[in-house]
Amino acid sequence: MAYRVIWSVKAIEDVETIAAYIARDSPSYAAAMIQEILTTTRHLHQDADTGKLVPELGEDNIKEKAVYSYRIIYRIDAEIVTIAALIHQKKLLQTS
């Protein structure tokens, strides 16, 4: 099934924050990280169902994919995948 992929405002802010944080030490690593995140999210239009369930939530339609040390959290609704947030793997997703 082909999905339409959209980004939440929160997810866009997360990417910008991650890029700025990493770029303080290595602009080239920050660029590579963001490129990998974008590549992974571009593939969600075809393979969103292959993500892992988010353990903090346990909902079938909320999944994650890992990119380096970050988790891309997304929701699948009908034909739309919404990228909800990006968080470090050492952090739990805050559900409140």
PDB file of N, CA and C in Angstrom:
ATOM      1  N   MET A   1       0.841  -1.180   0.000  1.00  0.00           N
ATOM      2  CA  MET A   1       0.000   0.000   0.000  1.00  0.00           C
ATOM      3  C   MET A   1       0.887   1.246   0.000  1.00  0.00           C
ATOM      4  N   ALA A   2       0.505   2.218  -0.771  1.00  0.00           N
ATOM      5  CA  ALA A   2       1.250   3.480  -0.816  1.00  0.00           C
ATOM      6  C   ALA A   2       0.606   4.479   0.136  1.00  0.00           C
ATOM      7  N   TYR A   3       1.430   5.108   0.946  1.00  0.00           N
ATOM      8  CA  TYR A   3       0.978   6.101   1.910  1.00  0.00           C
ATOM      9  C   TYR A   3       1.449   7.485   1.505  1.00  0.00           C
ATOM     10  N   ARG A   4       0.737   8.475   1.977  1.00  0.00           N
ATOM     11  CA  ARG A   4       1.204   9.855   1.866  1.00  0.00           C
ATOM     12  C   ARG A   4       1.889  10.175   3.193  1.00  0.00           C
ATOM     13  N   VAL A   5       3.088  10.714   3.152  1.00  0.00           N
ATOM     14  CA  VAL A   5       3.860  11.002   4.356  1.00  0.00           C
ATOM     15  C   VAL A   5       3.821  12.505   4.629  1.00  0.00           C
ATOM     16  N   ILE A   6       3.423  12.858   5.855  1.00  0.00           N
ATOM     17  CA  ILE A   6       3.424  14.258   6.264  1.00  0.00           C
ATOM     18  C   ILE A   6       4.178  14.379   7.590  1.00  0.00           C
ATOM     19  N   TRP A   7       4.662  15.572   7.859  1.00  0.00           N
ATOM     20  CA  TRP A   7       5.428  15.850   9.076  1.00  0.00           C
ATOM     21  C   TRP A   7       4.624  16.740  10.002  1.00  0.00           C
ATOM     22  N   SER A   8       4.614  16.424  11.290  1.00  0.00           N
ATOM     23  CA  SER A   8       4.012  17.316  12.276  1.00  0.00           C
ATOM     24  C   SER A   8       4.981  18.469  12.533  1.00  0.00           C
ATOM     25  N   VAL A   9       4.463  19.552  13.077  1.00  0.00           N
ATOM     26  CA  VAL A   9       5.300  20.689  13.444  1.00  0.00           C
ATOM     27  C   VAL A   9       6.343  20.240  14.470  1.00  0.00           C
ATOM     28  N   LYS A  10       5.929  19.417  15.417  1.00  0.00           N
ATOM     29  CA  LYS A  10       6.839  18.912  16.452  1.00  0.00           C
ATOM     30  C   LYS A  10       8.001  18.152  15.832  1.00  0.00           C
ATOM     31  N   ALA A  11       7.737  17.287  14.871  1.00  0.00           N
ATOM     32  CA  ALA A  11       8.793  16.504  14.226  1.00  0.00           C
ATOM     33  C   ALA A  11       9.772  17.404  13.480  1.00  0.00           C
ATOM     34  N   ILE A  12       9.271  18.416  12.814  1.00  0.00           N
ATOM     35  CA  ILE A  12      10.145  19.362  12.108  1.00  0.00           C
ATOM     36  C   ILE A  12      11.040  20.090  13.113  1.00  0.00           C
ATOM     37  N   GLU A  13      10.450  20.522  14.218  1.00  0.00           N
ATOM     38  CA  GLU A  13      11.238  21.176  15.268  1.00  0.00           C
ATOM     39  C   GLU A  13      12.299  20.228  15.834  1.00  0.00           C
ATOM     40  N   ASP A  14      11.930  18.957  16.006  1.00  0.00           N
ATOM     41  CA  ASP A  14      12.879  17.968  16.523  1.00  0.00           C
ATOM     42  C   ASP A  14      14.080  17.823  15.589  1.00  0.00           C
ATOM     43  N   VAL A  15      13.823  17.747  14.290  1.00  0.00           N
ATOM     44  CA  VAL A  15      14.913  17.612  13.317  1.00  0.00           C
ATOM     45  C   VAL A  15      15.821  18.839  13.364  1.00  0.00           C
ATOM     46  N   GLU A  16      15.223  20.003  13.428  1.00  0.00           N
ATOM     47  CA  GLU A  16      16.022  21.230  13.502  1.00  0.00           C
ATOM     48  C   GLU A  16      16.874  21.264  14.766  1.00  0.00           C
ATOM     49  N   THR A  17      16.315  20.833  15.878  1.00  0.00           N
ATOM     50  CA  THR A  17      17.045  20.797  17.144  1.00  0.00           C
ATOM     51  C   THR A  17      18.193  19.802  17.087  1.00  0.00           C
ATOM     52  N   ILE A  18      17.928  18.626  16.553  1.00  0.00           N
ATOM     53  CA  ILE A  18      18.966  17.593  16.411  1.00  0.00           C
ATOM     54  C   ILE A  18      20.100  18.111  15.532  1.00  0.00           C
ATOM     55  N   ALA A  19      19.742  18.700  14.398  1.00  0.00           N
ATOM     56  CA  ALA A  19      20.766  19.209  13.471  1.00  0.00           C
ATOM     57  C   ALA A  19      21.618  20.286  14.134  1.00  0.00           C
ATOM     58  N   ALA A  20      20.989  21.206  14.837  1.00  0.00           N
ATOM     59  CA  ALA A  20      21.739  22.280  15.487  1.00  0.00           C
ATOM     60  C   ALA A  20      22.659  21.735  16.576  1.00  0.00           C
ATOM     61  N   TYR A  21      22.173  20.777  17.331  1.00  0.00           N
ATOM     62  CA  TYR A  21      22.975  20.190  18.408  1.00  0.00           C
ATOM     63  C   TYR A  21      24.211  19.478  17.858  1.00  0.00           C
ATOM     64  N   ILE A  22      24.023  18.657  16.846  1.00  0.00           N
ATOM     65  CA  ILE A  22      25.141  17.901  16.272  1.00  0.00           C
ATOM     66  C   ILE A  22      26.098  18.829  15.532  1.00  0.00           C
ATOM     67  N   ALA A  23      25.569  19.839  14.875  1.00  0.00           N
ATOM     68  CA  ALA A  23      26.400  20.759  14.081  1.00  0.00           C
ATOM     69  C   ALA A  23      27.372  21.561  14.931  1.00  0.00           C
ATOM     70  N   ARG A  24      27.085  21.695  16.217  1.00  0.00           N
ATOM     71  CA  ARG A  24      28.035  22.406  17.091  1.00  0.00           C
ATOM     72  C   ARG A  24      29.400  21.718  17.088  1.00  0.00           C
ATOM     73  N   ASP A  25      29.402  20.389  16.984  1.00  0.00           N
ATOM     74  CA  ASP A  25      30.651  19.623  16.957  1.00  0.00           C
ATOM     75  C   ASP A  25      31.088  19.245  15.551  1.00  0.00           C
ATOM     76  N   SER A  26      30.097  18.951  14.694  1.00  0.00           N
ATOM     77  CA  SER A  26      30.444  18.480  13.353  1.00  0.00           C
ATOM     78  C   SER A  26      29.328  18.793  12.357  1.00  0.00           C
ATOM     79  N   PRO A  27      29.461  19.885  11.625  1.00  0.00           N
ATOM     80  CA  PRO A  27      28.441  20.203  10.612  1.00  0.00           C
ATOM     81  C   PRO A  27      28.270  19.087   9.577  1.00  0.00           C
ATOM     82  N   SER A  28      29.360  18.434   9.217  1.00  0.00           N
ATOM     83  CA  SER A  28      29.245  17.371   8.202  1.00  0.00           C
ATOM     84  C   SER A  28      28.500  16.150   8.756  1.00  0.00           C
ATOM     85  N   TYR A  29      28.721  15.814  10.026  1.00  0.00           N
ATOM     86  CA  TYR A  29      27.988  14.702  10.628  1.00  0.00           C
ATOM     87  C   TYR A  29      26.517  15.067  10.782  1.00  0.00           C
ATOM     88  N   ALA A  30      26.241  16.310  11.130  1.00  0.00           N
ATOM     89  CA  ALA A  30      24.851  16.765  11.238  1.00  0.00           C
ATOM     90  C   ALA A  30      24.144  16.632   9.892  1.00  0.00           C
ATOM     91  N   ALA A  31      24.808  17.039   8.835  1.00  0.00           N
ATOM     92  CA  ALA A  31      24.216  16.929   7.495  1.00  0.00           C
ATOM     93  C   ALA A  31      23.963  15.472   7.118  1.00  0.00           C
ATOM     94  N   ALA A  32      24.918  14.599   7.443  1.00  0.00           N
ATOM     95  CA  ALA A  32      24.759  13.170   7.140  1.00  0.00           C
ATOM     96  C   ALA A  32      23.602  12.574   7.937  1.00  0.00           C
ATOM     97  N   MET A  33      23.483  12.973   9.192  1.00  0.00           N
ATOM     98  CA  MET A  33      22.401  12.480  10.051  1.00  0.00           C
ATOM     99  C   MET A  33      21.045  12.900   9.497  1.00  0.00           C
ATOM    100  N   ILE A  34      20.915  14.165   9.166  1.00  0.00           N
ATOM    101  CA  ILE A  34      19.642  14.659   8.640  1.00  0.00           C
ATOM    102  C   ILE A  34      19.321  13.999   7.305  1.00  0.00           C
ATOM    103  N   GLN A  35      20.324  13.800   6.473  1.00  0.00           N
ATOM    104  CA  GLN A  35      20.096  13.117   5.197  1.00  0.00           C
ATOM    105  C   GLN A  35      19.570  11.703   5.424  1.00  0.00           C
ATOM    106  N   GLU A  36      20.119  10.997   6.393  1.00  0.00           N
ATOM    107  CA  GLU A  36      19.665   9.630   6.686  1.00  0.00           C
ATOM    108  C   GLU A  36      18.239   9.637   7.237  1.00  0.00           C
ATOM    109  N   ILE A  37      17.919  10.602   8.078  1.00  0.00           N
ATOM    110  CA  ILE A  37      16.548  10.725   8.590  1.00  0.00           C
ATOM    111  C   ILE A  37      15.580  10.972   7.437  1.00  0.00           C
ATOM    112  N   LEU A  38      15.930  11.881   6.541  1.00  0.00           N
ATOM    113  CA  LEU A  38      15.057  12.185   5.404  1.00  0.00           C
ATOM    114  C   LEU A  38      14.909  10.988   4.475  1.00  0.00           C
ATOM    115  N   THR A  39      15.989  10.270   4.244  1.00  0.00           N
ATOM    116  CA  THR A  39      15.925   9.079   3.397  1.00  0.00           C
ATOM    117  C   THR A  39      15.001   8.039   4.013  1.00  0.00           C
ATOM    118  N   THR A  40      15.144   7.820   5.309  1.00  0.00           N
ATOM    119  CA  THR A  40      14.295   6.839   5.994  1.00  0.00           C
ATOM    120  C   THR A  40      12.833   7.241   5.924  1.00  0.00           C
ATOM    121  N   THR A  41      12.540   8.515   6.146  1.00  0.00           N
ATOM    122  CA  THR A  41      11.139   8.942   6.117  1.00  0.00           C
ATOM    123  C   THR A  41      10.561   8.921   4.703  1.00  0.00           C
ATOM    124  N   ARG A  42      11.390   9.144   3.709  1.00  0.00           N
ATOM    125  CA  ARG A  42      10.895   9.059   2.319  1.00  0.00           C
ATOM    126  C   ARG A  42      10.427   7.645   1.990  1.00  0.00           C
ATOM    127  N   HIS A  43      11.062   6.654   2.562  1.00  0.00           N
ATOM    128  CA  HIS A  43      10.687   5.270   2.290  1.00  0.00           C
ATOM    129  C   HIS A  43       9.407   4.841   3.011  1.00  0.00           C
ATOM    130  N   LEU A  44       8.957   5.646   3.954  1.00  0.00           N
ATOM    131  CA  LEU A  44       7.750   5.283   4.687  1.00  0.00           C
ATOM    132  C   LEU A  44       6.522   5.207   3.789  1.00  0.00           C
ATOM    133  N   HIS A  45       6.537   5.888   2.658  1.00  0.00           N
ATOM    134  CA  HIS A  45       5.363   5.811   1.783  1.00  0.00           C
ATOM    135  C   HIS A  45       5.128   4.392   1.282  1.00  0.00           C
ATOM    136  N   GLN A  46       6.170   3.558   1.293  1.00  0.00           N
ATOM    137  CA  GLN A  46       6.033   2.175   0.845  1.00  0.00           C
ATOM    138  C   GLN A  46       6.159   1.162   1.971  1.00  0.00           C
ATOM    139  N   ASP A  47       6.932   1.472   3.008  1.00  0.00           N
ATOM    140  CA  ASP A  47       7.213   0.433   4.006  1.00  0.00           C
ATOM    141  C   ASP A  47       6.889   0.851   5.442  1.00  0.00           C
ATOM    142  N   ALA A  48       5.874   1.663   5.630  1.00  0.00           N
ATOM    143  CA  ALA A  48       5.515   2.131   6.974  1.00  0.00           C
ATOM    144  C   ALA A  48       5.171   0.970   7.903  1.00  0.00           C
ATOM    145  N   ASP A  49       4.581  -0.067   7.368  1.00  0.00           N
ATOM    146  CA  ASP A  49       4.174  -1.197   8.201  1.00  0.00           C
ATOM    147  C   ASP A  49       5.345  -1.994   8.762  1.00  0.00           C
ATOM    148  N   THR A  50       6.543  -1.776   8.241  1.00  0.00           N
ATOM    149  CA  THR A  50       7.698  -2.545   8.706  1.00  0.00           C
ATOM    150  C   THR A  50       8.329  -1.978   9.971  1.00  0.00           C
ATOM    151  N   GLY A  51       7.861  -0.832  10.424  1.00  0.00           N
ATOM    152  CA  GLY A  51       8.391  -0.255  11.657  1.00  0.00           C
ATOM    153  C   GLY A  51       8.015  -1.095  12.865  1.00  0.00           C
ATOM    154  N   LYS A  52       8.736  -0.860  13.963  1.00  0.00           N
ATOM    155  CA  LYS A  52       8.456  -1.559  15.213  1.00  0.00           C
ATOM    156  C   LYS A  52       7.398  -0.795  15.996  1.00  0.00           C
ATOM    157  N   LEU A  53       6.619  -1.535  16.786  1.00  0.00           N
ATOM    158  CA  LEU A  53       5.661  -0.882  17.670  1.00  0.00           C
ATOM    159  C   LEU A  53       6.414  -0.075  18.716  1.00  0.00           C
ATOM    160  N   VAL A  54       5.874   1.064  19.082  1.00  0.00           N
ATOM    161  CA  VAL A  54       6.475   1.905  20.119  1.00  0.00           C
ATOM    162  C   VAL A  54       6.121   1.274  21.468  1.00  0.00           C
ATOM    163  N   PRO A  55       7.109   0.759  22.211  1.00  0.00           N
ATOM    164  CA  PRO A  55       6.806   0.017  23.438  1.00  0.00           C
ATOM    165  C   PRO A  55       6.071   0.818  24.500  1.00  0.00           C
ATOM    166  N   GLU A  56       6.316   2.134  24.571  1.00  0.00           N
ATOM    167  CA  GLU A  56       5.640   2.950  25.575  1.00  0.00           C
ATOM    168  C   GLU A  56       4.144   3.058  25.320  1.00  0.00           C
ATOM    169  N   LEU A  57       3.720   2.854  24.082  1.00  0.00           N
ATOM    170  CA  LEU A  57       2.317   3.054  23.721  1.00  0.00           C
ATOM    171  C   LEU A  57       1.580   1.758  23.445  1.00  0.00           C
ATOM    172  N   GLY A  58       2.228   0.826  22.751  1.00  0.00           N
ATOM    173  CA  GLY A  58       1.605  -0.451  22.449  1.00  0.00           C
ATOM    174  C   GLY A  58       0.413  -0.369  21.515  1.00  0.00           C
ATOM    175  N   GLU A  59       0.348   0.666  20.691  1.00  0.00           N
ATOM    176  CA  GLU A  59      -0.748   0.809  19.732  1.00  0.00           C
ATOM    177  C   GLU A  59      -0.286   0.342  18.354  1.00  0.00           C
ATOM    178  N   ASP A  60      -1.122  -0.435  17.679  1.00  0.00           N
ATOM    179  CA  ASP A  60      -0.746  -1.021  16.390  1.00  0.00           C
ATOM    180  C   ASP A  60      -0.442   0.004  15.314  1.00  0.00           C
ATOM    181  N   ASN A  61      -1.030   1.185  15.396  1.00  0.00           N
ATOM    182  CA  ASN A  61      -0.841   2.169  14.326  1.00  0.00           C
ATOM    183  C   ASN A  61       0.252   3.202  14.635  1.00  0.00           C
ATOM    184  N   ILE A  62       0.936   3.064  15.768  1.00  0.00           N
ATOM    185  CA  ILE A  62       2.034   3.971  16.093  1.00  0.00           C
ATOM    186  C   ILE A  62       3.325   3.160  16.110  1.00  0.00           C
ATOM    187  N   LYS A  63       4.220   3.523  15.203  1.00  0.00           N
ATOM    188  CA  LYS A  63       5.435   2.733  15.005  1.00  0.00           C
ATOM    189  C   LYS A  63       6.664   3.627  15.042  1.00  0.00           C
ATOM    190  N   GLU A  64       7.818   2.981  14.978  1.00  0.00           N
ATOM    191  CA  GLU A  64       9.072   3.715  14.988  1.00  0.00           C
ATOM    192  C   GLU A  64      10.091   3.032  14.100  1.00  0.00           C
ATOM    193  N   LYS A  65      11.005   3.841  13.615  1.00  0.00           N
ATOM    194  CA  LYS A  65      12.178   3.358  12.894  1.00  0.00           C
ATOM    195  C   LYS A  65      13.381   4.053  13.503  1.00  0.00           C
ATOM    196  N   ALA A  66      14.493   3.339  13.568  1.00  0.00           N
ATOM    197  CA  ALA A  66      15.704   3.888  14.161  1.00  0.00           C
ATOM    198  C   ALA A  66      16.630   4.423  13.078  1.00  0.00           C
ATOM    199  N   VAL A  67      17.216   5.575  13.380  1.00  0.00           N
ATOM    200  CA  VAL A  67      18.267   6.157  12.544  1.00  0.00           C
ATOM    201  C   VAL A  67      19.373   6.572  13.502  1.00  0.00           C
ATOM    202  N   TYR A  68      20.490   5.888  13.397  1.00  0.00           N
ATOM    203  CA  TYR A  68      21.594   6.088  14.328  1.00  0.00           C
ATOM    204  C   TYR A  68      21.042   5.964  15.740  1.00  0.00           C
ATOM    205  N   SER A  69      21.166   6.986  16.552  1.00  0.00           N
ATOM    206  CA  SER A  69      20.700   6.894  17.934  1.00  0.00           C
ATOM    207  C   SER A  69      19.358   7.605  18.153  1.00  0.00           C
ATOM    208  N   TYR A  70      18.609   7.800  17.079  1.00  0.00           N
ATOM    209  CA  TYR A  70      17.321   8.480  17.182  1.00  0.00           C
ATOM    210  C   TYR A  70      16.188   7.573  16.732  1.00  0.00           C
ATOM    211  N   ARG A  71      15.020   7.810  17.317  1.00  0.00           N
ATOM    212  CA  ARG A  71      13.800   7.085  16.968  1.00  0.00           C
ATOM    213  C   ARG A  71      12.873   8.027  16.207  1.00  0.00           C
ATOM    214  N   ILE A  72      12.443   7.590  15.037  1.00  0.00           N
ATOM    215  CA  ILE A  72      11.438   8.330  14.273  1.00  0.00           C
ATOM    216  C   ILE A  72      10.094   7.705  14.658  1.00  0.00           C
ATOM    217  N   ILE A  73       9.257   8.483  15.318  1.00  0.00           N
ATOM    218  CA  ILE A  73       7.949   8.003  15.770  1.00  0.00           C
ATOM    219  C   ILE A  73       6.906   8.486  14.767  1.00  0.00           C
ATOM    220  N   TYR A  74       6.070   7.553  14.288  1.00  0.00           N
ATOM    221  CA  TYR A  74       5.054   7.941  13.309  1.00  0.00           C
ATOM    222  C   TYR A  74       3.756   7.170  13.521  1.00  0.00           C
ATOM    223  N   ARG A  75       2.676   7.780  13.026  1.00  0.00           N
ATOM    224  CA  ARG A  75       1.336   7.194  13.134  1.00  0.00           C
ATOM    225  C   ARG A  75       0.826   6.864  11.734  1.00  0.00           C
ATOM    226  N   ILE A  76       0.209   5.706  11.620  1.00  0.00           N
ATOM    227  CA  ILE A  76      -0.402   5.286  10.360  1.00  0.00           C
ATOM    228  C   ILE A  76      -1.915   5.398  10.509  1.00  0.00           C
ATOM    229  N   ASP A  77      -2.526   6.228   9.678  1.00  0.00           N
ATOM    230  CA  ASP A  77      -3.976   6.388   9.658  1.00  0.00           C
ATOM    231  C   ASP A  77      -4.440   6.286   8.212  1.00  0.00           C
ATOM    232  N   ALA A  78      -5.197   5.243   7.927  1.00  0.00           N
ATOM    233  CA  ALA A  78      -5.705   5.008   6.568  1.00  0.00           C
ATOM    234  C   ALA A  78      -4.549   5.063   5.567  1.00  0.00           C
ATOM    235  N   GLU A  79      -4.511   6.083   4.720  1.00  0.00           N
ATOM    236  CA  GLU A  79      -3.470   6.184   3.699  1.00  0.00           C
ATOM    237  C   GLU A  79      -2.436   7.262   4.016  1.00  0.00           C
ATOM    238  N   ILE A  80      -2.412   7.715   5.276  1.00  0.00           N
ATOM    239  CA  ILE A  80      -1.498   8.786   5.661  1.00  0.00           C
ATOM    240  C   ILE A  80      -0.578   8.323   6.787  1.00  0.00           C
ATOM    241  N   VAL A  81       0.702   8.630   6.625  1.00  0.00           N
ATOM    242  CA  VAL A  81       1.687   8.422   7.682  1.00  0.00           C
ATOM    243  C   VAL A  81       2.088   9.806   8.175  1.00  0.00           C
ATOM    244  N   THR A  82       1.910  10.034   9.468  1.00  0.00           N
ATOM    245  CA  THR A  82       2.295  11.307  10.066  1.00  0.00           C
ATOM    246  C   THR A  82       3.521  11.091  10.933  1.00  0.00           C
ATOM    247  N   ILE A  83       4.608  11.757  10.582  1.00  0.00           N
ATOM    248  CA  ILE A  83       5.807  11.694  11.399  1.00  0.00           C
ATOM    249  C   ILE A  83       5.535  12.613  12.584  1.00  0.00           C
ATOM    250  N   ALA A  84       5.491  12.015  13.779  1.00  0.00           N
ATOM    251  CA  ALA A  84       5.054  12.745  14.963  1.00  0.00           C
ATOM    252  C   ALA A  84       6.195  13.358  15.746  1.00  0.00           C
ATOM    253  N   ALA A  85       7.323  12.637  15.859  1.00  0.00           N
ATOM    254  CA  ALA A  85       8.418  13.124  16.695  1.00  0.00           C
ATOM    255  C   ALA A  85       9.687  12.351  16.387  1.00  0.00           C
ATOM    256  N   LEU A  86      10.807  12.946  16.760  1.00  0.00           N
ATOM    257  CA  LEU A  86      12.100  12.271  16.730  1.00  0.00           C
ATOM    258  C   LEU A  86      12.701  12.434  18.109  1.00  0.00           C
ATOM    259  N   ILE A  87      13.071  11.324  18.724  1.00  0.00           N
ATOM    260  CA  ILE A  87      13.647  11.386  20.058  1.00  0.00           C
ATOM    261  C   ILE A  87      14.879  10.501  20.126  1.00  0.00           C
ATOM    262  N   HIS A  88      15.749  10.811  21.061  1.00  0.00           N
ATOM    263  CA  HIS A  88      16.948  10.004  21.265  1.00  0.00           C
ATOM    264  C   HIS A  88      16.538   8.650  21.822  1.00  0.00           C
ATOM    265  N   GLN A  89      17.252   7.601  21.447  1.00  0.00           N
ATOM    266  CA  GLN A  89      16.904   6.255  21.890  1.00  0.00           C
ATOM    267  C   GLN A  89      16.997   6.078  23.400  1.00  0.00           C
ATOM    268  N   LYS A  90      17.771   6.909  24.075  1.00  0.00           N
ATOM    269  CA  LYS A  90      17.890   6.794  25.523  1.00  0.00           C
ATOM    270  C   LYS A  90      16.698   7.401  26.266  1.00  0.00           C
ATOM    271  N   LYS A  91      15.833   8.098  25.537  1.00  0.00           N
ATOM    272  CA  LYS A  91      14.676   8.734  26.164  1.00  0.00           C
ATOM    273  C   LYS A  91      13.406   7.952  25.850  1.00  0.00           C
ATOM    274  N   LEU A  92      12.497   7.949  26.807  1.00  0.00           N
ATOM    275  CA  LEU A  92      11.177   7.379  26.579  1.00  0.00           C
ATOM    276  C   LEU A  92      10.290   8.448  25.971  1.00  0.00           C
ATOM    277  N   LEU A  93       9.349   8.006  25.162  1.00  0.00           N
ATOM    278  CA  LEU A  93       8.380   8.924  24.579  1.00  0.00           C
ATOM    279  C   LEU A  93       7.441   9.413  25.672  1.00  0.00           C
ATOM    280  N   GLN A  94       7.307  10.714  25.815  1.00  0.00           N
ATOM    281  CA  GLN A  94       6.397  11.265  26.805  1.00  0.00           C
ATOM    282  C   GLN A  94       4.990  11.221  26.241  1.00  0.00           C
ATOM    283  N   THR A  95       4.096  10.570  26.949  1.00  0.00           N
ATOM    284  CA  THR A  95       2.741  10.354  26.440  1.00  0.00           C
ATOM    285  C   THR A  95       1.738  11.353  26.955  1.00  0.00           C
ATOM    286  N   SER A  96       2.133  12.261  27.820  1.00  0.00           N
ATOM    287  CA  SER A  96       1.157  13.239  28.348  1.00  0.00           C
ATOM    288  C   SER A  96       1.287  14.561  27.654  1.00  0.00           C
TER     289      SER A  96
END
